[in-house]
Amino acid sequence: MLVTIGSITTASRAAKVIRRVLGINVQVIHTPTQLNRGGCSYSIKFSDNYHMSVKRVISEYNIPVKRWYGESDGGVYNDLS
């Protein structure tokens, strides 16, 4: 699962909150070129299994996100927004 976020600061905050609340592994990465819609963009990456839990935490902590993507075989991302 990949969630695009506008800034490194917000992405880092999101990852920190998710790790603390859910105790799962979250990576902060540069948004892949094929998903970047212009400008500086970072993403958080985590297992698809935690999609709904992460969505709840992001909502509870009012973390602004751009788009949600699920990853299929071969590294192709599916827009879930």
N, C-alpha and C. Protein backbone atom coordinates (compact mmCIF):
# COMPACT_ATOMS: atom_id res chain seq x y z
N MET A 1 0.86 -1.17 0.00
CA MET A 1 0.00 0.00 0.00
C MET A 1 0.90 1.22 0.00
N LEU A 2 0.48 2.22 -0.73
CA LEU A 2 1.23 3.46 -0.82
C LEU A 2 0.25 4.61 -0.65
N VAL A 3 0.59 5.56 0.19
CA VAL A 3 -0.23 6.76 0.39
C VAL A 3 0.65 7.95 0.07
N THR A 4 0.25 8.74 -0.94
CA THR A 4 1.05 9.90 -1.31
C THR A 4 0.70 11.07 -0.40
N ILE A 5 1.76 11.80 -0.03
CA ILE A 5 1.66 12.91 0.91
C ILE A 5 2.51 14.05 0.37
N GLY A 6 2.11 15.27 0.58
CA GLY A 6 2.76 16.42 -0.03
C GLY A 6 4.15 16.76 0.44
N SER A 7 4.49 16.49 1.69
CA SER A 7 5.79 16.94 2.19
C SER A 7 6.47 15.85 3.02
N ILE A 8 7.78 15.95 3.12
CA ILE A 8 8.55 15.01 3.94
C ILE A 8 8.16 15.14 5.41
N THR A 9 7.86 16.34 5.84
CA THR A 9 7.49 16.56 7.24
C THR A 9 6.20 15.82 7.58
N THR A 10 5.20 15.95 6.74
CA THR A 10 3.92 15.29 6.98
C THR A 10 4.05 13.78 6.84
N ALA A 11 4.82 13.32 5.86
CA ALA A 11 5.03 11.88 5.68
C ALA A 11 5.73 11.28 6.90
N SER A 12 6.74 11.98 7.41
CA SER A 12 7.45 11.50 8.60
C SER A 12 6.54 11.46 9.82
N ARG A 13 5.72 12.50 9.96
CA ARG A 13 4.76 12.54 11.07
C ARG A 13 3.77 11.38 10.97
N ALA A 14 3.26 11.14 9.76
CA ALA A 14 2.30 10.05 9.56
C ALA A 14 2.94 8.71 9.92
N ALA A 15 4.15 8.48 9.44
CA ALA A 15 4.83 7.21 9.73
C ALA A 15 5.04 7.03 11.23
N LYS A 16 5.45 8.09 11.90
CA LYS A 16 5.71 8.04 13.34
C LYS A 16 4.42 7.71 14.11
N VAL A 17 3.32 8.37 13.76
CA VAL A 17 2.05 8.14 14.43
C VAL A 17 1.57 6.71 14.18
N ILE A 18 1.66 6.24 12.95
CA ILE A 18 1.21 4.89 12.61
C ILE A 18 2.03 3.84 13.35
N ARG A 19 3.35 4.03 13.38
CA ARG A 19 4.21 3.09 14.12
C ARG A 19 3.83 3.05 15.60
N ARG A 20 3.60 4.22 16.17
CA ARG A 20 3.28 4.31 17.60
C ARG A 20 1.91 3.70 17.91
N VAL A 21 0.91 4.03 17.11
CA VAL A 21 -0.46 3.59 17.39
C VAL A 21 -0.69 2.13 16.99
N LEU A 22 -0.19 1.74 15.81
CA LEU A 22 -0.47 0.40 15.30
C LEU A 22 0.69 -0.59 15.48
N GLY A 23 1.89 -0.07 15.70
CA GLY A 23 3.04 -0.93 15.87
C GLY A 23 3.44 -1.69 14.62
N ILE A 24 3.23 -1.08 13.44
CA ILE A 24 3.58 -1.75 12.19
C ILE A 24 4.74 -1.04 11.50
N ASN A 25 5.35 -1.74 10.56
CA ASN A 25 6.45 -1.19 9.79
C ASN A 25 5.92 -0.24 8.72
N VAL A 26 6.42 0.99 8.71
CA VAL A 26 6.02 1.99 7.73
C VAL A 26 7.30 2.64 7.19
N GLN A 27 7.40 2.75 5.88
CA GLN A 27 8.55 3.39 5.26
C GLN A 27 8.13 4.72 4.65
N VAL A 28 9.01 5.72 4.74
CA VAL A 28 8.81 6.99 4.05
C VAL A 28 9.70 6.94 2.81
N ILE A 29 9.10 7.14 1.63
CA ILE A 29 9.85 7.05 0.37
C ILE A 29 9.47 8.23 -0.53
N HIS A 30 10.32 8.50 -1.53
CA HIS A 30 9.92 9.45 -2.58
C HIS A 30 8.80 8.78 -3.37
N THR A 31 7.81 9.54 -3.73
CA THR A 31 6.71 9.00 -4.52
C THR A 31 7.26 8.52 -5.86
N PRO A 32 6.92 7.29 -6.29
CA PRO A 32 7.39 6.79 -7.58
C PRO A 32 7.00 7.74 -8.71
N THR A 33 7.89 7.86 -9.69
CA THR A 33 7.70 8.79 -10.80
C THR A 33 6.35 8.63 -11.48
N GLN A 34 5.90 7.39 -11.69
CA GLN A 34 4.63 7.18 -12.40
C GLN A 34 3.41 7.65 -11.60
N LEU A 35 3.59 7.91 -10.31
CA LEU A 35 2.47 8.38 -9.48
C LEU A 35 2.57 9.85 -9.11
N ASN A 36 3.72 10.44 -9.28
CA ASN A 36 3.93 11.83 -8.89
C ASN A 36 3.23 12.74 -9.87
N ARG A 37 2.33 13.54 -9.38
CA ARG A 37 1.53 14.44 -10.23
C ARG A 37 2.06 15.86 -10.19
N GLY A 38 3.37 15.97 -10.09
CA GLY A 38 4.00 17.29 -10.10
C GLY A 38 4.38 17.75 -8.72
N GLY A 39 5.47 18.46 -8.65
CA GLY A 39 5.92 19.00 -7.38
C GLY A 39 6.61 17.96 -6.52
N CYS A 40 6.99 18.38 -5.36
CA CYS A 40 7.66 17.51 -4.40
C CYS A 40 6.62 16.61 -3.75
N SER A 41 6.90 15.33 -3.70
CA SER A 41 5.94 14.43 -3.09
C SER A 41 6.65 13.26 -2.44
N TYR A 42 6.17 12.89 -1.28
CA TYR A 42 6.66 11.73 -0.56
C TYR A 42 5.48 10.82 -0.29
N SER A 43 5.79 9.58 0.03
CA SER A 43 4.75 8.60 0.31
C SER A 43 5.13 7.79 1.53
N ILE A 44 4.11 7.19 2.13
CA ILE A 44 4.36 6.18 3.15
C ILE A 44 3.96 4.85 2.53
N LYS A 45 4.73 3.83 2.86
CA LYS A 45 4.51 2.50 2.29
C LYS A 45 4.39 1.51 3.44
N PHE A 46 3.39 0.63 3.33
CA PHE A 46 3.14 -0.37 4.36
C PHE A 46 2.37 -1.52 3.73
N SER A 47 2.21 -2.61 4.47
CA SER A 47 1.50 -3.79 3.98
C SER A 47 0.03 -3.46 3.70
N ASP A 48 -0.48 -3.98 2.59
CA ASP A 48 -1.88 -3.79 2.23
C ASP A 48 -2.83 -4.30 3.31
N ASN A 49 -2.37 -5.23 4.13
CA ASN A 49 -3.21 -5.80 5.19
C ASN A 49 -3.69 -4.75 6.20
N TYR A 50 -2.97 -3.64 6.29
CA TYR A 50 -3.28 -2.62 7.30
C TYR A 50 -4.02 -1.41 6.73
N HIS A 51 -4.52 -1.54 5.52
CA HIS A 51 -5.17 -0.42 4.84
C HIS A 51 -6.22 0.28 5.70
N MET A 52 -7.18 -0.44 6.21
CA MET A 52 -8.28 0.19 6.97
C MET A 52 -7.80 0.75 8.31
N SER A 53 -6.88 0.06 8.97
CA SER A 53 -6.35 0.56 10.24
C SER A 53 -5.57 1.85 10.05
N VAL A 54 -4.75 1.90 9.00
CA VAL A 54 -3.98 3.11 8.72
C VAL A 54 -4.92 4.25 8.33
N LYS A 55 -5.93 3.95 7.53
CA LYS A 55 -6.89 4.97 7.12
C LYS A 55 -7.57 5.59 8.35
N ARG A 56 -7.91 4.76 9.32
CA ARG A 56 -8.55 5.24 10.55
C ARG A 56 -7.60 6.14 11.33
N VAL A 57 -6.35 5.73 11.49
CA VAL A 57 -5.38 6.53 12.24
C VAL A 57 -5.12 7.86 11.55
N ILE A 58 -4.96 7.84 10.24
CA ILE A 58 -4.73 9.07 9.49
C ILE A 58 -5.90 10.03 9.67
N SER A 59 -7.11 9.50 9.66
CA SER A 59 -8.29 10.33 9.86
C SER A 59 -8.34 10.89 11.28
N GLU A 60 -8.09 10.04 12.27
CA GLU A 60 -8.15 10.47 13.67
C GLU A 60 -7.13 11.57 13.98
N TYR A 61 -5.96 11.50 13.34
CA TYR A 61 -4.90 12.46 13.61
C TYR A 61 -4.87 13.61 12.59
N ASN A 62 -5.89 13.69 11.74
CA ASN A 62 -6.03 14.77 10.75
C ASN A 62 -4.77 14.97 9.91
N ILE A 63 -4.23 13.88 9.40
CA ILE A 63 -3.04 13.94 8.56
C ILE A 63 -3.49 14.07 7.11
N PRO A 64 -3.11 15.17 6.45
CA PRO A 64 -3.54 15.36 5.06
C PRO A 64 -2.78 14.46 4.10
N VAL A 65 -3.52 13.72 3.28
CA VAL A 65 -2.92 12.84 2.28
C VAL A 65 -3.48 13.20 0.91
N LYS A 66 -2.75 12.80 -0.12
CA LYS A 66 -3.19 13.07 -1.49
C LYS A 66 -4.01 11.90 -2.04
N ARG A 67 -3.36 10.73 -2.19
CA ARG A 67 -4.03 9.59 -2.80
C ARG A 67 -3.61 8.29 -2.13
N TRP A 68 -4.46 7.28 -2.27
CA TRP A 68 -4.21 5.93 -1.75
C TRP A 68 -4.01 4.99 -2.92
N TYR A 69 -3.00 4.14 -2.84
CA TYR A 69 -2.71 3.18 -3.90
C TYR A 69 -2.47 1.80 -3.31
N GLY A 70 -3.07 0.80 -3.94
CA GLY A 70 -2.78 -0.58 -3.61
C GLY A 70 -1.79 -1.10 -4.63
N GLU A 71 -0.95 -2.02 -4.24
CA GLU A 71 0.06 -2.54 -5.15
C GLU A 71 -0.33 -3.93 -5.62
N SER A 72 -0.31 -4.12 -6.92
CA SER A 72 -0.59 -5.44 -7.47
C SER A 72 0.73 -6.08 -7.88
N ASP A 73 0.67 -7.29 -8.38
CA ASP A 73 1.88 -7.98 -8.82
C ASP A 73 2.62 -7.17 -9.88
N GLY A 74 3.92 -7.19 -9.81
CA GLY A 74 4.73 -6.48 -10.81
C GLY A 74 4.97 -5.02 -10.49
N GLY A 75 4.60 -4.55 -9.31
CA GLY A 75 4.87 -3.17 -8.93
C GLY A 75 3.95 -2.15 -9.55
N VAL A 76 2.81 -2.57 -10.11
CA VAL A 76 1.83 -1.66 -10.68
C VAL A 76 0.89 -1.22 -9.56
N TYR A 77 0.70 0.09 -9.42
CA TYR A 77 -0.14 0.61 -8.34
C TYR A 77 -1.55 0.88 -8.84
N ASN A 78 -2.53 0.51 -8.05
CA ASN A 78 -3.94 0.74 -8.36
C ASN A 78 -4.48 1.86 -7.48
N ASP A 79 -5.05 2.88 -8.11
CA ASP A 79 -5.59 4.02 -7.38
C ASP A 79 -6.82 3.60 -6.59
N LEU A 80 -6.77 3.79 -5.28
CA LEU A 80 -7.90 3.43 -4.39
C LEU A 80 -8.60 4.65 -3.83
N SER A 81 -8.22 5.84 -4.29
CA SER A 81 -8.80 7.08 -3.74
C SER A 81 -10.25 7.23 -4.09
